[in-house]
Amino acid sequence: MNRERTVWPYGLLFLVACGLFAAFVANVQLSRPAPAINADHAAARAKALAELRAAESRDLNQAGWIDRNRGLVRLPIDLAMQITEREWRNPVAARSNLTARAEKAAAPAPQAPAKPNPFE
């Protein structure tokens, strides 16, 4: 007795299962309601993005103070590169200047006054 197994019913069953799964996924995708477009929210986000980009552009292209007390300024990149190139013509002086500026910029903030003793 020769028992041969036929494979085609299993293949057909697999194809039917894949088709049913695809139909189920399509049904779920089509039955889910699309989110409503909120025009006011979109306009507010666009305005906020435009303001952010304008501030970034201003910060990149104009000089300004970062911390006036510590003497930190923000410079446009091309101006900063020109100043750096001019300073580093004398590397020894530029290195000492850079070290002094880094120490000044990294100086710790003053400590808050200690709380008075409640028994005084």
PDB file of N, CA and C in Angstrom:
ATOM      1  N   MET A   1       0.817  -1.171   0.000  1.00  0.00           N
ATOM      2  CA  MET A   1       0.000   0.000   0.000  1.00  0.00           C
ATOM      3  C   MET A   1       0.865   1.241   0.000  1.00  0.00           C
ATOM      4  N   ASN A   2       0.645   2.057  -0.929  1.00  0.00           N
ATOM      5  CA  ASN A   2       1.412   3.283  -1.057  1.00  0.00           C
ATOM      6  C   ASN A   2       0.516   4.451  -0.688  1.00  0.00           C
ATOM      7  N   ARG A   3       0.847   5.064   0.427  1.00  0.00           N
ATOM      8  CA  ARG A   3       0.042   6.224   0.856  1.00  0.00           C
ATOM      9  C   ARG A   3       0.772   7.504   0.441  1.00  0.00           C
ATOM     10  N   GLU A   4       0.269   8.156  -0.534  1.00  0.00           N
ATOM     11  CA  GLU A   4       0.847   9.420  -0.983  1.00  0.00           C
ATOM     12  C   GLU A   4       0.075  10.565  -0.359  1.00  0.00           C
ATOM     13  N   ARG A   5       0.835  11.500   0.144  1.00  0.00           N
ATOM     14  CA  ARG A   5       0.188  12.688   0.698  1.00  0.00           C
ATOM     15  C   ARG A   5       0.108  13.748  -0.388  1.00  0.00           C
ATOM     16  N   THR A   6      -1.010  14.316  -0.494  1.00  0.00           N
ATOM     17  CA  THR A   6      -1.163  15.408  -1.450  1.00  0.00           C
ATOM     18  C   THR A   6      -0.985  16.722  -0.699  1.00  0.00           C
ATOM     19  N   VAL A   7      -0.303  17.632  -1.304  1.00  0.00           N
ATOM     20  CA  VAL A   7       0.053  18.891  -0.667  1.00  0.00           C
ATOM     21  C   VAL A   7      -0.907  20.000  -1.068  1.00  0.00           C
ATOM     22  N   TRP A   8      -1.558  19.878  -2.189  1.00  0.00           N
ATOM     23  CA  TRP A   8      -2.362  20.991  -2.692  1.00  0.00           C
ATOM     24  C   TRP A   8      -3.492  21.404  -1.764  1.00  0.00           C
ATOM     25  N   PRO A   9      -4.124  20.529  -0.945  1.00  0.00           N
ATOM     26  CA  PRO A   9      -5.157  21.041  -0.040  1.00  0.00           C
ATOM     27  C   PRO A   9      -4.584  21.978   1.029  1.00  0.00           C
ATOM     28  N   TYR A  10      -3.379  21.685   1.482  1.00  0.00           N
ATOM     29  CA  TYR A  10      -2.763  22.565   2.472  1.00  0.00           C
ATOM     30  C   TYR A  10      -2.397  23.923   1.865  1.00  0.00           C
ATOM     31  N   GLY A  11      -1.907  23.915   0.666  1.00  0.00           N
ATOM     32  CA  GLY A  11      -1.597  25.167  -0.027  1.00  0.00           C
ATOM     33  C   GLY A  11      -2.852  25.993  -0.256  1.00  0.00           C
ATOM     34  N   LEU A  12      -3.917  25.343  -0.658  1.00  0.00           N
ATOM     35  CA  LEU A  12      -5.186  26.036  -0.870  1.00  0.00           C
ATOM     36  C   LEU A  12      -5.708  26.599   0.449  1.00  0.00           C
ATOM     37  N   LEU A  13      -5.597  25.840   1.528  1.00  0.00           N
ATOM     38  CA  LEU A  13      -6.025  26.311   2.840  1.00  0.00           C
ATOM     39  C   LEU A  13      -5.195  27.529   3.273  1.00  0.00           C
ATOM     40  N   PHE A  14      -3.898  27.508   3.005  1.00  0.00           N
ATOM     41  CA  PHE A  14      -3.038  28.642   3.332  1.00  0.00           C
ATOM     42  C   PHE A  14      -3.443  29.879   2.542  1.00  0.00           C
ATOM     43  N   LEU A  15      -3.711  29.746   1.259  1.00  0.00           N
ATOM     44  CA  LEU A  15      -4.124  30.885   0.430  1.00  0.00           C
ATOM     45  C   LEU A  15      -5.458  31.460   0.899  1.00  0.00           C
ATOM     46  N   VAL A  16      -6.388  30.602   1.274  1.00  0.00           N
ATOM     47  CA  VAL A  16      -7.684  31.069   1.763  1.00  0.00           C
ATOM     48  C   VAL A  16      -7.492  31.826   3.084  1.00  0.00           C
ATOM     49  N   ALA A  17      -6.635  31.316   3.970  1.00  0.00           N
ATOM     50  CA  ALA A  17      -6.375  31.995   5.246  1.00  0.00           C
ATOM     51  C   ALA A  17      -5.734  33.359   5.011  1.00  0.00           C
ATOM     52  N   CYS A  18      -4.793  33.440   4.073  1.00  0.00           N
ATOM     53  CA  CYS A  18      -4.164  34.732   3.758  1.00  0.00           C
ATOM     54  C   CYS A  18      -5.189  35.707   3.193  1.00  0.00           C
ATOM     55  N   GLY A  19      -6.064  35.225   2.337  1.00  0.00           N
ATOM     56  CA  GLY A  19      -7.108  36.086   1.779  1.00  0.00           C
ATOM     57  C   GLY A  19      -8.056  36.594   2.851  1.00  0.00           C
ATOM     58  N   LEU A  20      -8.451  35.705   3.765  1.00  0.00           N
ATOM     59  CA  LEU A  20      -9.329  36.137   4.860  1.00  0.00           C
ATOM     60  C   LEU A  20      -8.636  37.167   5.752  1.00  0.00           C
ATOM     61  N   PHE A  21      -7.351  36.965   6.016  1.00  0.00           N
ATOM     62  CA  PHE A  21      -6.611  37.924   6.830  1.00  0.00           C
ATOM     63  C   PHE A  21      -6.530  39.277   6.135  1.00  0.00           C
ATOM     64  N   ALA A  22      -6.251  39.279   4.835  1.00  0.00           N
ATOM     65  CA  ALA A  22      -6.185  40.529   4.081  1.00  0.00           C
ATOM     66  C   ALA A  22      -7.541  41.232   4.075  1.00  0.00           C
ATOM     67  N   ALA A  23      -8.624  40.475   3.942  1.00  0.00           N
ATOM     68  CA  ALA A  23      -9.960  41.074   3.964  1.00  0.00           C
ATOM     69  C   ALA A  23     -10.256  41.669   5.345  1.00  0.00           C
ATOM     70  N   PHE A  24      -9.836  40.978   6.389  1.00  0.00           N
ATOM     71  CA  PHE A  24     -10.045  41.490   7.734  1.00  0.00           C
ATOM     72  C   PHE A  24      -9.284  42.799   7.951  1.00  0.00           C
ATOM     73  N   VAL A  25      -8.028  42.845   7.514  1.00  0.00           N
ATOM     74  CA  VAL A  25      -7.222  44.068   7.658  1.00  0.00           C
ATOM     75  C   VAL A  25      -7.845  45.209   6.863  1.00  0.00           C
ATOM     76  N   ALA A  26      -8.278  44.957   5.651  1.00  0.00           N
ATOM     77  CA  ALA A  26      -8.911  45.998   4.826  1.00  0.00           C
ATOM     78  C   ALA A  26     -10.189  46.503   5.482  1.00  0.00           C
ATOM     79  N   ASN A  27     -10.970  45.601   6.061  1.00  0.00           N
ATOM     80  CA  ASN A  27     -12.206  45.992   6.727  1.00  0.00           C
ATOM     81  C   ASN A  27     -11.923  46.899   7.922  1.00  0.00           C
ATOM     82  N   VAL A  28     -10.903  46.568   8.703  1.00  0.00           N
ATOM     83  CA  VAL A  28     -10.563  47.395   9.857  1.00  0.00           C
ATOM     84  C   VAL A  28     -10.067  48.766   9.407  1.00  0.00           C
ATOM     85  N   GLN A  29      -9.240  48.802   8.381  1.00  0.00           N
ATOM     86  CA  GLN A  29      -8.714  50.079   7.894  1.00  0.00           C
ATOM     87  C   GLN A  29      -9.824  50.976   7.343  1.00  0.00           C
ATOM     88  N   LEU A  30     -10.756  50.403   6.647  1.00  0.00           N
ATOM     89  CA  LEU A  30     -11.823  51.201   6.043  1.00  0.00           C
ATOM     90  C   LEU A  30     -12.896  51.600   7.042  1.00  0.00           C
ATOM     91  N   SER A  31     -13.098  50.816   8.087  1.00  0.00           N
ATOM     92  CA  SER A  31     -14.157  51.131   9.034  1.00  0.00           C
ATOM     93  C   SER A  31     -13.720  52.127  10.093  1.00  0.00           C
ATOM     94  N   ARG A  32     -12.431  52.348  10.239  1.00  0.00           N
ATOM     95  CA  ARG A  32     -11.937  53.296  11.236  1.00  0.00           C
ATOM     96  C   ARG A  32     -12.148  54.713  10.700  1.00  0.00           C
ATOM     97  N   PRO A  33     -12.786  55.594  11.475  1.00  0.00           N
ATOM     98  CA  PRO A  33     -13.040  56.944  10.972  1.00  0.00           C
ATOM     99  C   PRO A  33     -11.748  57.756  10.904  1.00  0.00           C
ATOM    100  N   ALA A  34     -11.656  58.586   9.889  1.00  0.00           N
ATOM    101  CA  ALA A  34     -10.494  59.454   9.745  1.00  0.00           C
ATOM    102  C   ALA A  34     -10.565  60.567  10.781  1.00  0.00           C
ATOM    103  N   PRO A  35      -9.437  60.958  11.346  1.00  0.00           N
ATOM    104  CA  PRO A  35      -9.479  62.035  12.336  1.00  0.00           C
ATOM    105  C   PRO A  35      -9.889  63.353  11.682  1.00  0.00           C
ATOM    106  N   ALA A  36     -10.660  64.127  12.413  1.00  0.00           N
ATOM    107  CA  ALA A  36     -11.126  65.397  11.893  1.00  0.00           C
ATOM    108  C   ALA A  36      -9.965  66.385  11.834  1.00  0.00           C
ATOM    109  N   ILE A  37      -9.967  67.188  10.805  1.00  0.00           N
ATOM    110  CA  ILE A  37      -8.922  68.188  10.643  1.00  0.00           C
ATOM    111  C   ILE A  37      -9.354  69.439  11.386  1.00  0.00           C
ATOM    112  N   ASN A  38      -8.530  69.843  12.313  1.00  0.00           N
ATOM    113  CA  ASN A  38      -8.816  71.030  13.083  1.00  0.00           C
ATOM    114  C   ASN A  38      -8.011  72.178  12.485  1.00  0.00           C
ATOM    115  N   ALA A  39      -8.669  73.019  11.719  1.00  0.00           N
ATOM    116  CA  ALA A  39      -7.989  74.087  10.998  1.00  0.00           C
ATOM    117  C   ALA A  39      -7.363  75.098  11.959  1.00  0.00           C
ATOM    118  N   ASP A  40      -8.039  75.372  13.062  1.00  0.00           N
ATOM    119  CA  ASP A  40      -7.493  76.335  14.018  1.00  0.00           C
ATOM    120  C   ASP A  40      -6.198  75.810  14.651  1.00  0.00           C
ATOM    121  N   HIS A  41      -6.208  74.539  14.989  1.00  0.00           N
ATOM    122  CA  HIS A  41      -5.013  73.943  15.586  1.00  0.00           C
ATOM    123  C   HIS A  41      -3.862  73.927  14.577  1.00  0.00           C
ATOM    124  N   ALA A  42      -4.161  73.599  13.335  1.00  0.00           N
ATOM    125  CA  ALA A  42      -3.130  73.580  12.296  1.00  0.00           C
ATOM    126  C   ALA A  42      -2.573  74.979  12.065  1.00  0.00           C
ATOM    127  N   ALA A  43      -3.422  76.002  12.083  1.00  0.00           N
ATOM    128  CA  ALA A  43      -2.954  77.374  11.893  1.00  0.00           C
ATOM    129  C   ALA A  43      -2.081  77.821  13.062  1.00  0.00           C
ATOM    130  N   ALA A  44      -2.457  77.444  14.282  1.00  0.00           N
ATOM    131  CA  ALA A  44      -1.664  77.805  15.451  1.00  0.00           C
ATOM    132  C   ALA A  44      -0.293  77.129  15.404  1.00  0.00           C
ATOM    133  N   ARG A  45      -0.257  75.876  14.983  1.00  0.00           N
ATOM    134  CA  ARG A  45       1.021  75.172  14.868  1.00  0.00           C
ATOM    135  C   ARG A  45       1.893  75.786  13.786  1.00  0.00           C
ATOM    136  N   ALA A  46       1.288  76.173  12.661  1.00  0.00           N
ATOM    137  CA  ALA A  46       2.053  76.800  11.592  1.00  0.00           C
ATOM    138  C   ALA A  46       2.619  78.140  12.053  1.00  0.00           C
ATOM    139  N   LYS A  47       1.839  78.910  12.803  1.00  0.00           N
ATOM    140  CA  LYS A  47       2.306  80.194  13.322  1.00  0.00           C
ATOM    141  C   LYS A  47       3.451  79.992  14.308  1.00  0.00           C
ATOM    142  N   ALA A  48       3.315  79.012  15.196  1.00  0.00           N
ATOM    143  CA  ALA A  48       4.375  78.729  16.165  1.00  0.00           C
ATOM    144  C   ALA A  48       5.656  78.283  15.466  1.00  0.00           C
ATOM    145  N   LEU A  49       5.525  77.477  14.425  1.00  0.00           N
ATOM    146  CA  LEU A  49       6.693  77.026  13.678  1.00  0.00           C
ATOM    147  C   LEU A  49       7.365  78.193  12.970  1.00  0.00           C
ATOM    148  N   ALA A  50       6.571  79.092  12.390  1.00  0.00           N
ATOM    149  CA  ALA A  50       7.138  80.263  11.721  1.00  0.00           C
ATOM    150  C   ALA A  50       7.873  81.153  12.716  1.00  0.00           C
ATOM    151  N   GLU A  51       7.312  81.334  13.916  1.00  0.00           N
ATOM    152  CA  GLU A  51       7.978  82.138  14.938  1.00  0.00           C
ATOM    153  C   GLU A  51       9.277  81.482  15.393  1.00  0.00           C
ATOM    154  N   LEU A  52       9.257  80.167  15.550  1.00  0.00           N
ATOM    155  CA  LEU A  52      10.457  79.446  15.958  1.00  0.00           C
ATOM    156  C   LEU A  52      11.554  79.576  14.914  1.00  0.00           C
ATOM    157  N   ARG A  53      11.201  79.407  13.655  1.00  0.00           N
ATOM    158  CA  ARG A  53      12.201  79.520  12.584  1.00  0.00           C
ATOM    159  C   ARG A  53      12.730  80.941  12.468  1.00  0.00           C
ATOM    160  N   ALA A  54      11.885  81.945  12.678  1.00  0.00           N
ATOM    161  CA  ALA A  54      12.346  83.332  12.641  1.00  0.00           C
ATOM    162  C   ALA A  54      13.322  83.600  13.784  1.00  0.00           C
ATOM    163  N   ALA A  55      13.025  83.090  14.978  1.00  0.00           N
ATOM    164  CA  ALA A  55      13.928  83.262  16.119  1.00  0.00           C
ATOM    165  C   ALA A  55      15.255  82.548  15.872  1.00  0.00           C
ATOM    166  N   GLU A  56      15.210  81.357  15.305  1.00  0.00           N
ATOM    167  CA  GLU A  56      16.447  80.634  15.007  1.00  0.00           C
ATOM    168  C   GLU A  56      17.277  81.382  13.976  1.00  0.00           C
ATOM    169  N   SER A  57      16.624  81.902  12.954  1.00  0.00           N
ATOM    170  CA  SER A  57      17.332  82.665  11.922  1.00  0.00           C
ATOM    171  C   SER A  57      17.949  83.921  12.519  1.00  0.00           C
ATOM    172  N   ARG A  58      17.206  84.606  13.376  1.00  0.00           N
ATOM    173  CA  ARG A  58      17.725  85.805  14.031  1.00  0.00           C
ATOM    174  C   ARG A  58      18.929  85.455  14.900  1.00  0.00           C
ATOM    175  N   ASP A  59      18.853  84.345  15.642  1.00  0.00           N
ATOM    176  CA  ASP A  59      19.959  83.944  16.505  1.00  0.00           C
ATOM    177  C   ASP A  59      21.198  83.564  15.702  1.00  0.00           C
ATOM    178  N   LEU A  60      21.011  82.990  14.521  1.00  0.00           N
ATOM    179  CA  LEU A  60      22.157  82.585  13.709  1.00  0.00           C
ATOM    180  C   LEU A  60      22.798  83.754  12.973  1.00  0.00           C
ATOM    181  N   ASN A  61      22.019  84.776  12.644  1.00  0.00           N
ATOM    182  CA  ASN A  61      22.512  85.828  11.764  1.00  0.00           C
ATOM    183  C   ASN A  61      22.734  87.166  12.436  1.00  0.00           C
ATOM    184  N   GLN A  62      22.421  87.304  13.725  1.00  0.00           N
ATOM    185  CA  GLN A  62      22.606  88.573  14.416  1.00  0.00           C
ATOM    186  C   GLN A  62      23.348  88.345  15.726  1.00  0.00           C
ATOM    187  N   ALA A  63      24.140  89.336  16.094  1.00  0.00           N
ATOM    188  CA  ALA A  63      24.847  89.263  17.369  1.00  0.00           C
ATOM    189  C   ALA A  63      23.887  89.606  18.498  1.00  0.00           C
ATOM    190  N   GLY A  64      24.142  89.055  19.664  1.00  0.00           N
ATOM    191  CA  GLY A  64      23.297  89.345  20.817  1.00  0.00           C
ATOM    192  C   GLY A  64      23.930  88.794  22.084  1.00  0.00           C
ATOM    193  N   TRP A  65      23.409  89.216  23.216  1.00  0.00           N
ATOM    194  CA  TRP A  65      23.925  88.772  24.495  1.00  0.00           C
ATOM    195  C   TRP A  65      23.323  87.428  24.886  1.00  0.00           C
ATOM    196  N   ILE A  66      24.166  86.534  25.364  1.00  0.00           N
ATOM    197  CA  ILE A  66      23.704  85.290  25.965  1.00  0.00           C
ATOM    198  C   ILE A  66      23.605  85.491  27.468  1.00  0.00           C
ATOM    199  N   ASP A  67      24.700  86.011  28.057  1.00  0.00           N
ATOM    200  CA  ASP A  67      24.728  86.327  29.487  1.00  0.00           C
ATOM    201  C   ASP A  67      25.586  87.570  29.656  1.00  0.00           C
ATOM    202  N   ARG A  68      24.947  88.691  29.880  1.00  0.00           N
ATOM    203  CA  ARG A  68      25.648  89.969  29.968  1.00  0.00           C
ATOM    204  C   ARG A  68      26.584  90.003  31.185  1.00  0.00           C
ATOM    205  N   ASN A  69      26.188  89.399  32.305  1.00  0.00           N
ATOM    206  CA  ASN A  69      27.014  89.418  33.509  1.00  0.00           C
ATOM    207  C   ASN A  69      28.330  88.676  33.318  1.00  0.00           C
ATOM    208  N   ARG A  70      28.300  87.608  32.566  1.00  0.00           N
ATOM    209  CA  ARG A  70      29.509  86.818  32.337  1.00  0.00           C
ATOM    210  C   ARG A  70      30.240  87.236  31.073  1.00  0.00           C
ATOM    211  N   GLY A  71      29.653  88.131  30.295  1.00  0.00           N
ATOM    212  CA  GLY A  71      30.293  88.606  29.073  1.00  0.00           C
ATOM    213  C   GLY A  71      30.183  87.629  27.917  1.00  0.00           C
ATOM    214  N   LEU A  72      29.135  86.801  27.885  1.00  0.00           N
ATOM    215  CA  LEU A  72      28.942  85.838  26.802  1.00  0.00           C
ATOM    216  C   LEU A  72      28.047  86.440  25.729  1.00  0.00           C
ATOM    217  N   VAL A  73      28.533  86.431  24.494  1.00  0.00           N
ATOM    218  CA  VAL A  73      27.751  86.971  23.377  1.00  0.00           C
ATOM    219  C   VAL A  73      27.541  85.886  22.338  1.00  0.00           C
ATOM    220  N   ARG A  74      26.540  86.105  21.515  1.00  0.00           N
ATOM    221  CA  ARG A  74      26.242  85.219  20.394  1.00  0.00           C
ATOM    222  C   ARG A  74      26.636  85.973  19.127  1.00  0.00           C
ATOM    223  N   LEU A  75      27.467  85.366  18.288  1.00  0.00           N
ATOM    224  CA  LEU A  75      27.936  86.005  17.069  1.00  0.00           C
ATOM    225  C   LEU A  75      27.495  85.208  15.854  1.00  0.00           C
ATOM    226  N   PRO A  76      27.282  85.877  14.716  1.00  0.00           N
ATOM    227  CA  PRO A  76      27.049  85.124  13.480  1.00  0.00           C
ATOM    228  C   PRO A  76      28.283  84.284  13.154  1.00  0.00           C
ATOM    229  N   ILE A  77      28.073  83.183  12.500  1.00  0.00           N
ATOM    230  CA  ILE A  77      29.156  82.232  12.263  1.00  0.00           C
ATOM    231  C   ILE A  77      30.279  82.846  11.446  1.00  0.00           C
ATOM    232  N   ASP A  78      29.948  83.580  10.391  1.00  0.00           N
ATOM    233  CA  ASP A  78      31.010  84.144   9.552  1.00  0.00           C
ATOM    234  C   ASP A  78      31.852  85.168  10.323  1.00  0.00           C
ATOM    235  N   LEU A  79      31.237  85.979  11.169  1.00  0.00           N
ATOM    236  CA  LEU A  79      31.985  86.936  11.984  1.00  0.00           C
ATOM    237  C   LEU A  79      32.843  86.214  13.012  1.00  0.00           C
ATOM    238  N   ALA A  80      32.317  85.184  13.629  1.00  0.00           N
ATOM    239  CA  ALA A  80      33.088  84.411  14.606  1.00  0.00           C
ATOM    240  C   ALA A  80      34.290  83.747  13.940  1.00  0.00           C
ATOM    241  N   MET A  81      34.115  83.260  12.719  1.00  0.00           N
ATOM    242  CA  MET A  81      35.237  82.646  12.013  1.00  0.00           C
ATOM    243  C   MET A  81      36.305  83.677  11.675  1.00  0.00           C
ATOM    244  N   GLN A  82      35.902  84.886  11.279  1.00  0.00           N
ATOM    245  CA  GLN A  82      36.877  85.934  10.985  1.00  0.00           C
ATOM    246  C   GLN A  82      37.666  86.318  12.238  1.00  0.00           C
ATOM    247  N   ILE A  83      36.961  86.459  13.368  1.00  0.00           N
ATOM    248  CA  ILE A  83      37.631  86.808  14.619  1.00  0.00           C
ATOM    249  C   ILE A  83      38.594  85.703  15.034  1.00  0.00           C
ATOM    250  N   THR A  84      38.172  84.452  14.914  1.00  0.00           N
ATOM    251  CA  THR A  84      39.024  83.318  15.278  1.00  0.00           C
ATOM    252  C   THR A  84      40.262  83.262  14.401  1.00  0.00           C
ATOM    253  N   GLU A  85      40.066  83.466  13.114  1.00  0.00           N
ATOM    254  CA  GLU A  85      41.203  83.449  12.197  1.00  0.00           C
ATOM    255  C   GLU A  85      42.197  84.561  12.543  1.00  0.00           C
ATOM    256  N   ARG A  86      41.697  85.742  12.852  1.00  0.00           N
ATOM    257  CA  ARG A  86      42.563  86.869  13.198  1.00  0.00           C
ATOM    258  C   ARG A  86      43.299  86.588  14.516  1.00  0.00           C
ATOM    259  N   GLU A  87      42.586  86.028  15.521  1.00  0.00           N
ATOM    260  CA  GLU A  87      43.221  85.767  16.816  1.00  0.00           C
ATOM    261  C   GLU A  87      44.274  84.674  16.730  1.00  0.00           C
ATOM    262  N   TRP A  88      44.051  83.647  15.927  1.00  0.00           N
ATOM    263  CA  TRP A  88      44.951  82.495  15.910  1.00  0.00           C
ATOM    264  C   TRP A  88      46.156  82.697  15.001  1.00  0.00           C
ATOM    265  N   ARG A  89      46.372  83.923  14.542  1.00  0.00           N
ATOM    266  CA  ARG A  89      47.627  84.198  13.844  1.00  0.00           C
ATOM    267  C   ARG A  89      48.790  84.150  14.833  1.00  0.00           C
ATOM    268  N   ASN A  90      48.485  84.423  16.116  1.00  0.00           N
ATOM    269  CA  ASN A  90      49.462  84.274  17.199  1.00  0.00           C
ATOM    270  C   ASN A  90      48.920  83.168  18.115  1.00  0.00           C
ATOM    271  N   PRO A  91      49.325  81.924  17.909  1.00  0.00           N
ATOM    272  CA  PRO A  91      48.724  80.799  18.637  1.00  0.00           C
ATOM    273  C   PRO A  91      48.931  80.846  20.153  1.00  0.00           C
ATOM    274  N   VAL A  92      50.051  81.340  20.619  1.00  0.00           N
ATOM    275  CA  VAL A  92      50.302  81.355  22.064  1.00  0.00           C
ATOM    276  C   VAL A  92      49.324  82.293  22.756  1.00  0.00           C
ATOM    277  N   ALA A  93      49.163  83.500  22.222  1.00  0.00           N
ATOM    278  CA  ALA A  93      48.234  84.462  22.815  1.00  0.00           C
ATOM    279  C   ALA A  93      46.792  83.969  22.680  1.00  0.00           C
ATOM    280  N   ALA A  94      46.471  83.364  21.546  1.00  0.00           N
ATOM    281  CA  ALA A  94      45.100  82.874  21.332  1.00  0.00           C
ATOM    282  C   ALA A  94      44.775  81.752  22.311  1.00  0.00           C
ATOM    283  N   ARG A  95      45.739  80.858  22.570  1.00  0.00           N
ATOM    284  CA  ARG A  95      45.505  79.749  23.486  1.00  0.00           C
ATOM    285  C   ARG A  95      45.258  80.264  24.910  1.00  0.00           C
ATOM    286  N   SER A  96      46.069  81.225  25.353  1.00  0.00           N
ATOM    287  CA  SER A  96      45.880  81.756  26.698  1.00  0.00           C
ATOM    288  C   SER A  96      44.563  82.536  26.790  1.00  0.00           C
ATOM    289  N   ASN A  97      44.200  83.256  25.733  1.00  0.00           N
ATOM    290  CA  ASN A  97      42.926  83.979  25.709  1.00  0.00           C
ATOM    291  C   ASN A  97      41.757  83.001  25.749  1.00  0.00           C
ATOM    292  N   LEU A  98      41.873  81.918  24.999  1.00  0.00           N
ATOM    293  CA  LEU A  98      40.810  80.915  24.976  1.00  0.00           C
ATOM    294  C   LEU A  98      40.646  80.264  26.346  1.00  0.00           C
ATOM    295  N   THR A  99      41.747  79.951  26.998  1.00  0.00           N
ATOM    296  CA  THR A  99      41.686  79.351  28.333  1.00  0.00           C
ATOM    297  C   THR A  99      41.034  80.299  29.329  1.00  0.00           C
ATOM    298  N   ALA A 100      41.399  81.576  29.266  1.00  0.00           N
ATOM    299  CA  ALA A 100      40.818  82.557  30.191  1.00  0.00           C
ATOM    300  C   ALA A 100      39.318  82.712  29.949  1.00  0.00           C
ATOM    301  N   ARG A 101      38.923  82.751  28.688  1.00  0.00           N
ATOM    302  CA  ARG A 101      37.488  82.883  28.382  1.00  0.00           C
ATOM    303  C   ARG A 101      36.709  81.650  28.799  1.00  0.00           C
ATOM    304  N   ALA A 102      37.304  80.461  28.635  1.00  0.00           N
ATOM    305  CA  ALA A 102      36.615  79.229  29.032  1.00  0.00           C
ATOM    306  C   ALA A 102      36.438  79.173  30.542  1.00  0.00           C
ATOM    307  N   GLU A 103      37.450  79.597  31.288  1.00  0.00           N
ATOM    308  CA  GLU A 103      37.324  79.616  32.747  1.00  0.00           C
ATOM    309  C   GLU A 103      36.267  80.616  33.195  1.00  0.00           C
ATOM    310  N   LYS A 104      36.222  81.770  32.527  1.00  0.00           N
ATOM    311  CA  LYS A 104      35.221  82.784  32.876  1.00  0.00           C
ATOM    312  C   LYS A 104      33.808  82.287  32.559  1.00  0.00           C
ATOM    313  N   ALA A 105      33.644  81.609  31.419  1.00  0.00           N
ATOM    314  CA  ALA A 105      32.326  81.118  31.019  1.00  0.00           C
ATOM    315  C   ALA A 105      31.863  79.962  31.897  1.00  0.00           C
ATOM    316  N   ALA A 106      32.816  79.171  32.404  1.00  0.00           N
ATOM    317  CA  ALA A 106      32.455  78.007  33.210  1.00  0.00           C
ATOM    318  C   ALA A 106      32.459  78.305  34.702  1.00  0.00           C
ATOM    319  N   ALA A 107      32.608  79.562  35.062  1.00  0.00           N
ATOM    320  CA  ALA A 107      32.620  79.906  36.481  1.00  0.00           C
ATOM    321  C   ALA A 107      31.283  79.540  37.108  1.00  0.00           C
ATOM    322  N   PRO A 108      31.312  78.974  38.306  1.00  0.00           N
ATOM    323  CA  PRO A 108      30.042  78.582  38.934  1.00  0.00           C
ATOM    324  C   PRO A 108      29.219  79.814  39.321  1.00  0.00           C
ATOM    325  N   ALA A 109      27.939  79.644  39.329  1.00  0.00           N
ATOM    326  CA  ALA A 109      27.040  80.719  39.735  1.00  0.00           C
ATOM    327  C   ALA A 109      27.196  80.964  41.224  1.00  0.00           C
ATOM    328  N   PRO A 110      26.954  82.201  41.664  1.00  0.00           N
ATOM    329  CA  PRO A 110      27.076  82.464  43.100  1.00  0.00           C
ATOM    330  C   PRO A 110      26.063  81.640  43.882  1.00  0.00           C
ATOM    331  N   GLN A 111      26.472  81.242  45.079  1.00  0.00           N
ATOM    332  CA  GLN A 111      25.605  80.413  45.908  1.00  0.00           C
ATOM    333  C   GLN A 111      24.537  81.268  46.568  1.00  0.00           C
ATOM    334  N   ALA A 112      23.408  80.663  46.800  1.00  0.00           N
ATOM    335  CA  ALA A 112      22.323  81.351  47.485  1.00  0.00           C
ATOM    336  C   ALA A 112      22.717  81.554  48.946  1.00  0.00           C
ATOM    337  N   PRO A 113      22.274  82.646  49.541  1.00  0.00           N
ATOM    338  CA  PRO A 113      22.629  82.863  50.944  1.00  0.00           C
ATOM    339  C   PRO A 113      22.068  81.749  51.828  1.00  0.00           C
ATOM    340  N   ALA A 114      22.820  81.417  52.852  1.00  0.00           N
ATOM    341  CA  ALA A 114      22.391  80.356  53.756  1.00  0.00           C
ATOM    342  C   ALA A 114      21.180  80.827  54.557  1.00  0.00           C
ATOM    343  N   LYS A 115      20.327  79.883  54.897  1.00  0.00           N
ATOM    344  CA  LYS A 115      19.143  80.215  55.695  1.00  0.00           C
ATOM    345  C   LYS A 115      19.594  80.629  57.094  1.00  0.00           C
ATOM    346  N   PRO A 116      19.014  81.673  57.612  1.00  0.00           N
ATOM    347  CA  PRO A 116      19.421  82.076  58.967  1.00  0.00           C
ATOM    348  C   PRO A 116      18.995  81.019  59.980  1.00  0.00           C
ATOM    349  N   ASN A 117      19.715  80.960  61.029  1.00  0.00           N
ATOM    350  CA  ASN A 117      19.425  80.027  62.116  1.00  0.00           C
ATOM    351  C   ASN A 117      18.123  80.450  62.780  1.00  0.00           C
ATOM    352  N   PRO A 118      17.152  79.556  62.930  1.00  0.00           N
ATOM    353  CA  PRO A 118      15.879  79.958  63.522  1.00  0.00           C
ATOM    354  C   PRO A 118      16.004  80.325  64.988  1.00  0.00           C
ATOM    355  N   PHE A 119      17.115  79.973  65.630  1.00  0.00           N
ATOM    356  CA  PHE A 119      17.272  80.282  67.053  1.00  0.00           C
ATOM    357  C   PHE A 119      17.986  81.609  67.288  1.00  0.00           C
ATOM    358  N   GLU A 120      18.381  82.293  66.243  1.00  0.00           N
ATOM    359  CA  GLU A 120      19.072  83.576  66.398  1.00  0.00           C
ATOM    360  C   GLU A 120      18.090  84.707  66.466  1.00  0.00           C
TER     361      GLU A 120
END
